[in-house]
């Protein structure tokens, strides 16, 4: 019998390897052996110039951005303080003076 770990989702002991993934036949969950529960620490968010961003950093917008649902535009050079990194397509959560709460993509900012 192999020494494969139990399924992290349903704790089934009937897991099997499929290429580089492990698969649970009972709940159909797939994962890799490299996932160790600390995958949140490994996520790195970089700005448009490749600088690593962290929670609390200040960034500057590098392109005029249209605001959905509004006729407003975030202008090039707008400084944003105290960003918070989140998961998803728009991976920066922040408050912008004059606009309020906003989510931005890291590819449109540079570290200040």
N, C-alpha and C. Protein backbone atom coordinates (compact mmCIF):
# COMPACT_ATOMS: atom_id res chain seq x y z
N UNK A 1 0.85 -1.18 0.00
CA UNK A 1 0.00 0.00 0.00
C UNK A 1 0.89 1.24 0.00
N UNK A 2 0.50 2.26 -0.70
CA UNK A 2 1.31 3.48 -0.80
C UNK A 2 1.09 4.37 0.42
N UNK A 3 1.96 5.32 0.60
CA UNK A 3 1.89 6.24 1.73
C UNK A 3 1.31 7.58 1.31
N UNK A 4 0.23 7.57 0.57
CA UNK A 4 -0.40 8.82 0.15
C UNK A 4 -1.23 9.38 1.30
N UNK A 5 -1.26 10.72 1.43
CA UNK A 5 -2.04 11.32 2.52
C UNK A 5 -3.55 11.19 2.26
N UNK A 6 -4.30 11.29 3.34
CA UNK A 6 -5.76 11.30 3.22
C UNK A 6 -6.21 12.59 2.56
N UNK A 7 -7.41 12.57 2.02
CA UNK A 7 -7.98 13.76 1.37
C UNK A 7 -8.15 14.87 2.42
N UNK A 8 -7.66 16.09 2.12
CA UNK A 8 -7.80 17.19 3.08
C UNK A 8 -9.24 17.69 3.21
N UNK A 9 -10.08 17.35 2.25
CA UNK A 9 -11.46 17.83 2.28
C UNK A 9 -12.39 16.87 3.03
N UNK A 10 -12.35 15.59 2.68
CA UNK A 10 -13.29 14.63 3.29
C UNK A 10 -12.59 13.56 4.12
N UNK A 11 -11.26 13.61 4.18
CA UNK A 11 -10.43 12.69 4.97
C UNK A 11 -10.51 11.24 4.48
N UNK A 12 -10.83 11.05 3.21
CA UNK A 12 -10.89 9.71 2.65
C UNK A 12 -9.48 9.15 2.52
N UNK A 13 -9.34 7.84 2.76
CA UNK A 13 -8.02 7.20 2.66
C UNK A 13 -7.77 6.63 1.26
N UNK A 14 -8.72 6.77 0.35
CA UNK A 14 -8.61 6.15 -0.98
C UNK A 14 -8.07 7.11 -2.03
N UNK A 15 -7.15 7.97 -1.69
CA UNK A 15 -6.59 8.91 -2.65
C UNK A 15 -5.64 8.18 -3.60
N UNK A 16 -5.47 8.76 -4.79
CA UNK A 16 -4.55 8.19 -5.76
C UNK A 16 -3.86 9.31 -6.53
N UNK A 17 -2.73 8.97 -7.16
CA UNK A 17 -1.97 9.95 -7.93
C UNK A 17 -2.45 9.97 -9.36
N UNK A 18 -2.52 11.18 -9.93
CA UNK A 18 -2.85 11.37 -11.33
C UNK A 18 -1.89 12.41 -11.87
N UNK A 19 -0.78 11.96 -12.40
CA UNK A 19 0.26 12.89 -12.85
C UNK A 19 0.89 13.53 -11.63
N UNK A 20 0.88 14.86 -11.55
CA UNK A 20 1.45 15.56 -10.40
C UNK A 20 0.41 15.89 -9.34
N UNK A 21 -0.83 15.48 -9.56
CA UNK A 21 -1.91 15.77 -8.62
C UNK A 21 -2.31 14.53 -7.84
N UNK A 22 -2.87 14.76 -6.66
CA UNK A 22 -3.51 13.70 -5.90
C UNK A 22 -5.02 13.90 -6.04
N UNK A 23 -5.76 12.80 -6.15
CA UNK A 23 -7.20 12.87 -6.41
C UNK A 23 -7.94 12.03 -5.38
N UNK A 24 -9.07 12.55 -4.91
CA UNK A 24 -9.94 11.79 -4.00
C UNK A 24 -11.12 11.26 -4.83
N UNK A 25 -11.31 9.95 -4.90
CA UNK A 25 -12.42 9.41 -5.69
C UNK A 25 -13.79 9.61 -5.04
N UNK A 26 -13.82 9.92 -3.75
CA UNK A 26 -15.10 10.06 -3.07
C UNK A 26 -15.71 11.46 -3.23
N UNK A 27 -14.86 12.51 -3.12
CA UNK A 27 -15.41 13.87 -3.24
C UNK A 27 -14.88 14.60 -4.48
N UNK A 28 -14.01 13.95 -5.26
CA UNK A 28 -13.45 14.48 -6.51
C UNK A 28 -12.54 15.69 -6.29
N UNK A 29 -12.01 15.87 -5.08
CA UNK A 29 -11.10 16.97 -4.79
C UNK A 29 -9.72 16.63 -5.34
N UNK A 30 -9.04 17.61 -5.95
CA UNK A 30 -7.70 17.43 -6.49
C UNK A 30 -6.76 18.42 -5.82
N UNK A 31 -5.56 17.98 -5.49
CA UNK A 31 -4.56 18.86 -4.90
C UNK A 31 -3.17 18.33 -5.21
N UNK A 32 -2.17 19.16 -5.00
CA UNK A 32 -0.79 18.73 -5.24
C UNK A 32 -0.11 18.51 -3.90
N UNK A 33 0.95 17.74 -3.92
CA UNK A 33 1.69 17.47 -2.68
C UNK A 33 2.35 18.73 -2.13
N UNK A 34 2.64 19.71 -2.98
CA UNK A 34 3.28 20.94 -2.53
C UNK A 34 2.37 21.80 -1.69
N UNK A 35 1.05 21.65 -1.84
CA UNK A 35 0.11 22.41 -1.01
C UNK A 35 0.23 21.91 0.40
N UNK A 36 0.64 22.80 1.28
CA UNK A 36 0.84 22.36 2.65
C UNK A 36 -0.01 23.13 3.64
N UNK A 37 -1.00 23.85 3.21
CA UNK A 37 -1.81 24.62 4.12
C UNK A 37 -1.28 26.03 4.32
N UNK A 38 -0.02 26.27 3.96
CA UNK A 38 0.55 27.61 4.11
C UNK A 38 0.67 28.29 2.74
N UNK A 39 -0.21 27.96 1.82
CA UNK A 39 -0.13 28.53 0.47
C UNK A 39 -0.42 30.02 0.46
N UNK A 40 -1.08 30.56 1.51
CA UNK A 40 -1.33 32.00 1.58
C UNK A 40 -0.02 32.77 1.72
N UNK A 41 0.97 32.19 2.40
CA UNK A 41 2.24 32.85 2.59
C UNK A 41 3.04 32.92 1.29
N UNK A 42 2.77 32.02 0.36
CA UNK A 42 3.55 31.93 -0.86
C UNK A 42 3.06 32.87 -1.96
N UNK A 43 1.89 33.45 -1.82
CA UNK A 43 1.36 34.32 -2.85
C UNK A 43 2.10 35.64 -2.84
N UNK A 44 2.59 36.03 -4.00
CA UNK A 44 3.36 37.26 -4.12
C UNK A 44 2.64 38.16 -5.12
N UNK A 45 2.37 39.39 -4.72
CA UNK A 45 1.73 40.36 -5.60
C UNK A 45 2.78 41.38 -5.99
N UNK A 46 2.92 41.59 -7.30
CA UNK A 46 3.92 42.53 -7.80
C UNK A 46 3.23 43.66 -8.54
N UNK A 47 3.86 44.85 -8.52
CA UNK A 47 3.32 45.99 -9.25
C UNK A 47 3.72 45.92 -10.71
N UNK A 48 3.45 46.96 -11.47
CA UNK A 48 3.71 46.97 -12.91
C UNK A 48 5.19 46.87 -13.23
N UNK A 49 6.06 47.24 -12.29
CA UNK A 49 7.50 47.22 -12.53
C UNK A 49 8.19 46.03 -11.88
N UNK A 50 7.41 45.12 -11.29
CA UNK A 50 7.97 43.91 -10.70
C UNK A 50 8.34 44.03 -9.24
N UNK A 51 8.03 45.14 -8.60
CA UNK A 51 8.31 45.29 -7.17
C UNK A 51 7.27 44.54 -6.36
N UNK A 52 7.68 43.88 -5.30
CA UNK A 52 6.77 43.12 -4.46
C UNK A 52 5.97 44.08 -3.59
N UNK A 53 4.65 43.90 -3.56
CA UNK A 53 3.76 44.73 -2.75
C UNK A 53 3.39 44.01 -1.46
N UNK A 54 3.22 44.78 -0.39
CA UNK A 54 2.82 44.24 0.91
C UNK A 54 1.65 45.05 1.44
N UNK A 55 0.93 44.48 2.41
CA UNK A 55 -0.14 45.22 3.08
C UNK A 55 0.42 46.49 3.70
N UNK A 56 -0.30 47.59 3.54
CA UNK A 56 0.11 48.86 4.14
C UNK A 56 0.98 49.72 3.25
N UNK A 57 1.42 49.21 2.10
CA UNK A 57 2.25 49.99 1.18
C UNK A 57 1.44 51.13 0.56
N UNK A 58 2.16 52.11 0.05
CA UNK A 58 1.55 53.19 -0.73
C UNK A 58 1.90 52.94 -2.19
N UNK A 59 0.94 53.16 -3.08
CA UNK A 59 1.16 52.95 -4.51
C UNK A 59 0.66 54.17 -5.29
N UNK A 60 1.11 54.27 -6.53
CA UNK A 60 0.69 55.34 -7.43
C UNK A 60 0.10 54.70 -8.68
N UNK A 61 -1.01 55.24 -9.15
CA UNK A 61 -1.66 54.73 -10.36
C UNK A 61 -0.88 55.19 -11.58
N UNK A 62 -0.59 54.26 -12.51
CA UNK A 62 0.27 54.58 -13.66
C UNK A 62 -0.51 54.79 -14.96
N UNK A 63 -1.83 54.74 -14.90
CA UNK A 63 -2.65 54.87 -16.11
C UNK A 63 -4.01 55.42 -15.70
N UNK A 64 -4.62 56.25 -16.53
CA UNK A 64 -5.98 56.71 -16.25
C UNK A 64 -6.91 55.49 -16.26
N UNK A 65 -7.69 55.34 -15.20
CA UNK A 65 -8.58 54.19 -15.07
C UNK A 65 -10.03 54.66 -14.97
N UNK A 66 -10.88 54.12 -15.83
CA UNK A 66 -12.31 54.42 -15.75
C UNK A 66 -12.89 53.68 -14.56
N UNK A 67 -13.82 54.33 -13.86
CA UNK A 67 -14.47 53.71 -12.71
C UNK A 67 -15.81 53.18 -13.19
N UNK A 68 -16.00 51.86 -13.05
CA UNK A 68 -17.24 51.23 -13.49
C UNK A 68 -18.43 51.79 -12.74
N UNK A 69 -19.50 52.08 -13.45
CA UNK A 69 -20.71 52.57 -12.84
C UNK A 69 -20.67 54.05 -12.53
N UNK A 70 -19.67 54.74 -13.03
CA UNK A 70 -19.52 56.16 -12.77
C UNK A 70 -18.89 56.82 -13.99
N UNK A 71 -19.06 58.12 -14.10
CA UNK A 71 -18.42 58.82 -15.20
C UNK A 71 -17.05 59.35 -14.77
N UNK A 72 -16.63 59.00 -13.56
CA UNK A 72 -15.35 59.45 -13.03
C UNK A 72 -14.19 58.65 -13.60
N UNK A 73 -13.00 59.26 -13.51
CA UNK A 73 -11.77 58.60 -13.95
C UNK A 73 -10.72 58.78 -12.85
N UNK A 74 -10.02 57.70 -12.53
CA UNK A 74 -8.87 57.81 -11.63
C UNK A 74 -7.69 58.25 -12.48
N UNK A 75 -7.13 59.38 -12.18
CA UNK A 75 -6.08 59.97 -13.01
C UNK A 75 -4.72 59.34 -12.74
N UNK A 76 -3.89 59.36 -13.75
CA UNK A 76 -2.50 58.95 -13.67
C UNK A 76 -1.83 59.75 -12.55
N UNK A 77 -1.05 59.09 -11.71
CA UNK A 77 -0.35 59.78 -10.64
C UNK A 77 -1.10 59.86 -9.33
N UNK A 78 -2.35 59.36 -9.29
CA UNK A 78 -3.11 59.37 -8.03
C UNK A 78 -2.41 58.46 -7.03
N UNK A 79 -2.13 58.99 -5.83
CA UNK A 79 -1.45 58.21 -4.80
C UNK A 79 -2.47 57.54 -3.90
N UNK A 80 -2.24 56.28 -3.62
CA UNK A 80 -3.12 55.48 -2.77
C UNK A 80 -2.29 54.98 -1.60
N UNK A 81 -2.77 55.27 -0.37
CA UNK A 81 -2.04 54.87 0.83
C UNK A 81 -2.70 53.66 1.48
N UNK A 82 -1.93 52.93 2.22
CA UNK A 82 -2.41 51.81 3.04
C UNK A 82 -3.24 50.81 2.25
N UNK A 83 -2.62 50.17 1.27
CA UNK A 83 -3.33 49.16 0.49
C UNK A 83 -3.45 47.86 1.30
N UNK A 84 -4.41 47.04 0.91
CA UNK A 84 -4.58 45.72 1.49
C UNK A 84 -4.63 44.72 0.35
N UNK A 85 -3.83 43.68 0.41
CA UNK A 85 -3.79 42.67 -0.64
C UNK A 85 -4.86 41.62 -0.39
N UNK A 86 -5.58 41.26 -1.46
CA UNK A 86 -6.66 40.28 -1.38
C UNK A 86 -6.52 39.29 -2.53
N UNK A 87 -7.26 38.21 -2.47
CA UNK A 87 -7.27 37.23 -3.56
C UNK A 87 -8.25 37.68 -4.62
N UNK A 88 -7.99 37.28 -5.84
CA UNK A 88 -8.92 37.58 -6.93
C UNK A 88 -8.24 38.34 -8.05
N UNK A 89 -9.04 38.67 -9.05
CA UNK A 89 -8.55 39.39 -10.22
C UNK A 89 -8.07 40.79 -9.84
N UNK A 90 -8.87 41.51 -9.09
CA UNK A 90 -8.50 42.82 -8.56
C UNK A 90 -7.91 42.55 -7.18
N UNK A 91 -6.57 42.53 -7.09
CA UNK A 91 -5.94 42.04 -5.89
C UNK A 91 -5.49 43.11 -4.90
N UNK A 92 -5.90 44.37 -5.08
CA UNK A 92 -5.61 45.43 -4.14
C UNK A 92 -6.92 46.05 -3.68
N UNK A 93 -7.11 46.11 -2.37
CA UNK A 93 -8.28 46.74 -1.77
C UNK A 93 -7.79 48.01 -1.09
N UNK A 94 -8.45 49.15 -1.33
CA UNK A 94 -7.96 50.41 -0.78
C UNK A 94 -9.10 51.43 -0.70
N UNK A 95 -8.78 52.57 -0.09
CA UNK A 95 -9.68 53.72 -0.08
C UNK A 95 -8.94 54.86 -0.78
N UNK A 96 -9.62 55.49 -1.72
CA UNK A 96 -9.03 56.59 -2.46
C UNK A 96 -9.79 57.86 -2.11
N UNK A 97 -9.05 58.90 -1.71
CA UNK A 97 -9.67 60.17 -1.35
C UNK A 97 -10.51 60.69 -2.52
N UNK A 98 -11.76 61.03 -2.27
CA UNK A 98 -12.64 61.54 -3.30
C UNK A 98 -13.43 60.47 -4.03
N UNK A 99 -13.04 59.19 -3.86
CA UNK A 99 -13.74 58.10 -4.53
C UNK A 99 -14.32 57.09 -3.55
N UNK A 100 -13.62 56.84 -2.45
CA UNK A 100 -14.07 55.86 -1.48
C UNK A 100 -13.40 54.52 -1.67
N UNK A 101 -14.06 53.45 -1.21
CA UNK A 101 -13.51 52.10 -1.30
C UNK A 101 -13.39 51.68 -2.76
N UNK A 102 -12.29 51.01 -3.07
CA UNK A 102 -12.00 50.68 -4.46
C UNK A 102 -11.14 49.41 -4.50
N UNK A 103 -11.29 48.63 -5.55
CA UNK A 103 -10.42 47.49 -5.79
C UNK A 103 -9.65 47.76 -7.07
N UNK A 104 -8.34 47.52 -7.04
CA UNK A 104 -7.48 47.79 -8.19
C UNK A 104 -6.71 46.53 -8.58
N UNK A 105 -6.26 46.49 -9.82
CA UNK A 105 -5.38 45.44 -10.27
C UNK A 105 -3.94 45.93 -10.06
N UNK A 106 -3.08 45.04 -9.61
CA UNK A 106 -1.70 45.41 -9.32
C UNK A 106 -0.94 45.81 -10.57
N UNK A 107 -1.38 45.41 -11.74
CA UNK A 107 -0.68 45.74 -12.98
C UNK A 107 -0.82 47.22 -13.37
N UNK A 108 -1.72 47.96 -12.70
CA UNK A 108 -1.92 49.37 -13.01
C UNK A 108 -1.37 50.30 -11.94
N UNK A 109 -0.54 49.78 -11.04
CA UNK A 109 0.05 50.61 -9.99
C UNK A 109 1.55 50.38 -9.91
N UNK A 110 2.25 51.36 -9.31
CA UNK A 110 3.65 51.17 -8.99
C UNK A 110 3.86 51.55 -7.54
N UNK A 111 4.82 50.90 -6.92
CA UNK A 111 5.10 51.14 -5.52
C UNK A 111 5.65 52.55 -5.35
N UNK A 112 5.11 53.29 -4.37
CA UNK A 112 5.53 54.67 -4.16
C UNK A 112 6.73 54.76 -3.25
